[in-house]
Protein backbone atom coordinates (compact mmCIF):
# COMPACT_ATOMS: atom_id res chain seq x y z
CA MET A 1 -41.53 -12.68 22.42
CA SER A 2 -37.93 -13.13 23.46
CA ALA A 3 -36.75 -16.54 24.48
CA CYS A 4 -36.40 -17.66 28.07
CA GLN A 5 -38.86 -15.12 29.55
CA THR A 6 -40.64 -16.40 32.60
CA VAL A 7 -44.14 -15.87 33.92
CA PRO A 8 -44.19 -13.62 37.00
CA THR A 9 -45.08 -15.36 40.26
CA SER A 10 -45.44 -12.37 42.54
CA THR A 11 -48.15 -11.88 45.19
CA THR A 12 -49.12 -8.61 43.46
CA GLY A 13 -49.77 -7.92 39.81
CA GLU A 14 -47.00 -6.45 37.66
CA PHE A 15 -46.24 -5.15 34.21
CA VAL A 16 -43.95 -7.11 31.89
CA SER A 17 -42.48 -6.04 28.56
CA ARG A 18 -42.98 -8.14 25.46
CA GLU A 19 -42.46 -7.91 21.69
CA VAL A 20 -44.46 -9.27 18.79
CA ALA A 21 -43.46 -9.64 15.15
CA LEU A 22 -45.95 -8.76 12.44
CA ASN A 23 -45.32 -8.39 8.72
CA GLY A 24 -41.57 -8.07 9.15
CA LYS A 25 -41.72 -5.51 11.93
CA THR A 26 -41.35 -5.84 15.68
CA TYR A 27 -43.70 -4.03 18.06
CA ARG A 28 -43.20 -3.58 21.80
CA TYR A 29 -46.07 -3.93 24.18
CA GLN A 30 -46.89 -4.36 27.87
CA VAL A 31 -48.86 -6.97 29.72
CA PHE A 32 -50.23 -6.58 33.21
CA VAL A 33 -50.01 -10.01 34.80
CA PRO A 34 -52.23 -10.42 37.87
CA ALA A 35 -51.04 -11.84 41.18
CA SER A 36 -50.44 -15.56 41.16
CA ARG A 37 -53.59 -16.28 43.16
CA PHE A 38 -55.65 -15.14 40.17
CA ARG A 39 -53.90 -17.47 37.76
CA SER A 40 -55.02 -20.93 38.91
CA GLY A 41 -56.90 -21.47 35.68
CA ALA A 42 -57.66 -19.62 32.43
CA VAL A 43 -57.40 -15.87 33.13
CA PRO A 44 -59.96 -13.25 32.09
CA THR A 45 -58.21 -10.92 29.62
CA VAL A 46 -58.67 -7.19 28.89
CA LEU A 47 -57.35 -5.59 25.68
CA PHE A 48 -56.77 -1.86 26.19
CA LEU A 49 -56.37 0.59 23.28
CA ASN A 50 -54.49 3.81 24.03
CA GLY A 51 -55.40 7.30 22.90
CA SER A 52 -53.55 9.53 20.44
CA GLY A 53 -51.22 11.01 23.03
CA GLU A 54 -49.75 7.61 23.94
CA ARG A 55 -48.79 6.54 20.41
CA GLY A 56 -45.16 5.70 19.80
CA SER A 57 -42.64 2.84 19.75
CA ASP A 58 -41.21 2.80 23.29
CA GLY A 59 -43.69 0.14 24.35
CA VAL A 60 -44.41 1.83 27.69
CA LYS A 61 -46.14 5.17 27.12
CA GLN A 62 -49.48 3.47 26.45
CA THR A 63 -49.61 2.43 30.13
CA MET A 64 -49.23 6.01 31.40
CA ALA A 65 -52.83 7.18 30.86
CA GLY A 66 -56.14 5.42 31.18
CA LEU A 67 -56.11 1.89 32.48
CA GLY A 68 -52.37 1.70 33.33
CA PRO A 69 -52.42 4.15 36.25
CA TYR A 70 -55.50 2.42 37.69
CA LEU A 71 -53.72 -0.92 37.61
CA ARG A 72 -50.64 0.47 39.36
CA GLN A 73 -52.93 1.58 42.20
CA HIS A 74 -54.80 -1.76 42.35
CA ALA A 75 -52.04 -4.19 41.36
CA ALA A 76 -52.61 -6.54 44.26
CA ASP A 77 -56.33 -7.01 43.70
CA PHE A 78 -56.97 -6.76 39.99
CA PRO A 79 -58.03 -10.28 38.86
CA GLY A 80 -57.31 -10.19 35.16
CA LEU A 81 -54.64 -10.08 32.49
CA VAL A 82 -54.45 -6.76 30.63
CA VAL A 83 -52.77 -6.42 27.21
CA PHE A 84 -51.38 -3.00 26.22
CA PRO A 85 -50.46 -2.75 22.53
CA GLN A 86 -49.15 0.61 21.40
CA ALA A 87 -50.34 2.28 18.24
CA PRO A 88 -47.31 3.63 16.35
CA ASP A 89 -47.00 7.32 15.65
CA ASP A 90 -49.37 8.63 12.97
CA THR A 91 -51.52 5.51 12.93
CA GLU A 92 -55.09 4.80 14.01
CA TRP A 93 -56.53 1.74 15.68
CA THR A 94 -59.23 1.90 13.03
CA GLU A 95 -56.60 1.49 10.32
CA ASP A 96 -53.04 0.14 10.31
CA ALA A 97 -52.71 -0.35 14.07
CA GLY A 98 -55.65 -2.72 14.37
CA PRO A 99 -53.72 -5.86 13.39
CA ILE A 100 -51.05 -5.00 15.97
CA ALA A 101 -53.67 -5.09 18.68
CA PHE A 102 -54.91 -8.51 17.60
CA ALA A 103 -51.36 -9.88 17.32
CA THR A 104 -50.41 -8.74 20.85
CA LEU A 105 -53.64 -10.09 22.27
CA GLU A 106 -53.07 -13.49 20.75
CA ALA A 107 -49.47 -13.66 21.89
CA ALA A 108 -50.29 -12.60 25.43
CA MET A 109 -53.17 -15.04 25.73
CA ARG A 110 -50.93 -17.91 24.59
CA GLU A 111 -48.20 -17.08 27.05
CA PHE A 112 -50.33 -16.25 30.07
CA LYS A 113 -53.21 -18.64 29.48
CA GLY A 114 -55.94 -16.11 28.75
CA ASP A 115 -59.52 -17.37 28.83
CA PRO A 116 -60.97 -17.18 25.30
CA ALA A 117 -64.50 -17.02 26.72
CA ARG A 118 -63.66 -13.92 28.78
CA VAL A 119 -61.87 -11.45 26.53
CA TYR A 120 -62.89 -7.85 27.00
CA LEU A 121 -62.14 -4.80 24.85
CA THR A 122 -61.83 -1.20 26.11
CA GLY A 123 -60.15 1.96 24.90
CA MET A 124 -60.23 5.71 25.30
CA SER A 125 -60.59 8.47 22.74
CA MET A 126 -58.79 7.13 19.62
CA GLY A 127 -58.90 3.82 21.47
CA GLY A 128 -62.64 4.26 21.96
CA TYR A 129 -63.00 4.47 18.19
CA GLY A 130 -60.76 1.43 17.96
CA THR A 131 -62.96 -0.47 20.42
CA TRP A 132 -65.93 -0.16 18.06
CA GLU A 133 -63.85 -0.94 14.93
CA LEU A 134 -62.06 -4.01 16.29
CA ALA A 135 -65.31 -5.37 17.66
CA LEU A 136 -66.92 -4.84 14.26
CA GLN A 137 -64.08 -6.75 12.62
CA GLN A 138 -64.43 -9.71 15.03
CA PRO A 139 -67.89 -9.49 16.67
CA THR A 140 -67.73 -12.96 18.21
CA ARG A 141 -64.26 -12.44 19.77
CA PHE A 142 -65.15 -10.28 22.74
CA ALA A 143 -67.35 -11.02 25.72
CA ALA A 144 -67.99 -7.30 26.38
CA LEU A 145 -66.97 -3.83 25.30
CA VAL A 146 -66.21 -0.64 27.24
CA PRO A 147 -65.64 2.24 24.76
CA ILE A 148 -64.74 5.51 26.46
CA CYS A 149 -65.10 8.97 24.83
CA GLY A 150 -64.96 7.35 21.40
CA GLY A 151 -67.24 7.24 18.43
CA VAL A 152 -68.09 5.75 15.04
CA THR A 153 -67.87 8.75 12.69
CA VAL A 154 -66.09 12.08 12.68
CA ASP A 155 -68.90 14.61 12.56
CA TRP A 156 -66.74 17.65 13.25
CA THR A 157 -63.85 19.35 11.48
CA ASP A 158 -60.83 17.13 11.83
CA ALA A 159 -57.68 16.35 9.86
CA ARG A 160 -57.85 12.61 10.63
CA PRO A 161 -60.09 10.91 8.05
CA GLY A 162 -59.04 7.50 9.25
CA LEU A 163 -60.58 8.05 12.71
CA ARG A 164 -63.87 6.26 12.05
CA ALA A 165 -65.38 2.82 12.21
CA ARG A 166 -64.08 1.73 8.81
CA THR A 167 -66.03 -1.54 8.67
CA VAL A 168 -69.33 0.37 8.49
CA GLY A 169 -67.93 3.40 6.69
CA ASN A 170 -70.06 2.98 3.60
CA ALA A 171 -73.32 2.38 5.48
CA ALA A 172 -76.10 4.95 5.12
CA ASP A 173 -76.28 5.05 8.89
CA PRO A 174 -72.96 3.84 10.47
CA PHE A 175 -74.52 3.93 13.98
CA ALA A 176 -77.38 1.63 12.99
CA ALA A 177 -75.03 -0.67 11.11
CA THR A 178 -72.69 -0.88 14.10
CA ALA A 179 -75.59 -1.61 16.44
CA GLN A 180 -76.97 -4.32 14.21
CA ARG A 181 -73.61 -6.08 13.97
CA LEU A 182 -72.88 -5.79 17.70
CA LYS A 183 -76.34 -6.21 19.23
CA ASP A 184 -75.42 -9.53 20.87
CA VAL A 185 -72.23 -8.15 22.50
CA PRO A 186 -72.70 -6.54 25.93
CA VAL A 187 -71.59 -2.89 25.79
CA TRP A 188 -71.16 -0.21 28.43
CA ILE A 189 -70.38 3.16 26.88
CA PHE A 190 -68.83 6.06 28.86
CA HIS A 191 -68.40 9.70 27.88
CA GLY A 192 -67.97 13.14 29.43
CA GLY A 193 -70.89 15.49 29.03
CA LYS A 194 -68.59 18.46 28.41
CA ASP A 195 -66.17 16.67 26.06
CA ASP A 196 -64.89 19.21 23.55
CA VAL A 197 -62.56 16.79 21.75
CA VAL A 198 -64.93 13.97 20.82
CA PRO A 199 -68.54 15.20 21.15
CA PRO A 200 -70.71 13.15 23.50
CA SER A 201 -73.25 12.99 20.68
CA GLN A 202 -71.14 10.19 19.26
CA SER A 203 -71.87 8.00 22.30
CA ARG A 204 -75.41 9.16 22.70
CA ARG A 205 -76.20 8.20 19.10
CA MET A 206 -74.50 4.86 19.51
CA ASP A 207 -76.47 4.15 22.71
CA ALA A 208 -79.74 5.05 20.99
CA ALA A 209 -78.90 2.84 18.01
CA LEU A 210 -78.14 -0.14 20.21
CA LYS A 211 -81.41 0.27 22.10
CA ALA A 212 -83.32 0.65 18.81
CA VAL A 213 -82.20 -2.82 17.67
CA GLY A 214 -82.94 -4.44 21.02
CA ALA A 215 -79.31 -5.01 21.98
CA ARG A 216 -78.83 -7.67 24.59
CA ASP A 217 -77.09 -5.46 27.14
CA ALA A 218 -76.44 -1.86 26.17
CA ARG A 219 -75.56 0.67 28.87
CA TYR A 220 -74.51 4.31 28.72
CA THR A 221 -73.03 6.45 31.48
CA GLU A 222 -72.33 10.10 30.90
CA PHE A 223 -70.37 12.04 33.48
CA PRO A 224 -72.05 15.44 33.24
CA ASP A 225 -69.11 17.56 34.39
CA ALA A 226 -66.33 15.63 32.68
CA ASN A 227 -64.51 16.91 29.66
CA HIS A 228 -62.48 14.59 27.44
CA ASN A 229 -60.95 12.70 30.34
CA SER A 230 -63.80 10.44 31.31
CA TRP A 231 -61.46 7.47 31.48
CA ASP A 232 -60.22 8.05 35.06
CA ALA A 233 -63.79 8.08 36.35
CA THR A 234 -64.68 5.04 34.24
CA TYR A 235 -61.87 2.83 35.42
CA ALA A 236 -62.41 3.92 39.03
CA TYR A 237 -66.08 2.92 38.82
CA ALA A 238 -66.33 -0.43 40.65
CA PRO A 239 -69.72 -1.44 39.23
CA MET A 240 -68.23 -1.37 35.74
CA TRP A 241 -65.63 -3.94 36.71
CA ASP A 242 -68.21 -6.15 38.47
CA TRP A 243 -70.34 -6.09 35.32
CA LEU A 244 -67.42 -6.63 32.97
CA PHE A 245 -65.97 -9.68 34.64
CA ALA A 246 -69.43 -11.23 34.91
CA GLN A 247 -69.68 -11.36 31.10
CA ARG A 248 -68.76 -14.55 29.29
CA ARG A 249 -68.91 -15.19 25.59
CA GLY A 250 -71.80 -17.45 24.63
CA ARG A 251 -73.71 -16.83 27.85
């Protein structure tokens, strides 16, 4: 983070640009800072993982699809901090980009007083895969997960072997292994029933695996007419936000 940057004090939420250094490189990211009336104490914090189309190094494009547009429409009323790391070109959240996400989250939480008991993880497509993988890496870190049109394995022809939940990659059943590791973390999965990019079978299998191990709170919503873009409907779904912000780690 650059020196002498100040915390916004506006009556509506706003995006601010930040940088984080990791392993000798500097990465740009965005933080949505809620209106000052929502910052009287520790602030609930959402970590958002972008999809493949928003990769890059400009530090802004990751806010242009998914959660970013929703926040611009609801800037005055959104009650939480949202951290937007950006996966560099040709990387996956499930591989080299994962540490960038954690580094930006930690930096933003320090600066803006994020609540460690209310940290939530969500992502779409490639970021949906990343949601599972980052949660597997740190299963006690997040109070709840909202993976959207993501998955755990790549069960179709694809030139991206890194797009998988690497932590359980050697398991006989990666879905069962993921469910066992995350059974105590509340999860609400979303997918489009007509998704022809990431098959909805990925989310259906993950939902079934979570229920098979008696997961504490596992939910699945499939939008029957949606193709790959199920993120707009997800982030516009008010019950999801009510549920998410009610979750607290250790409860």
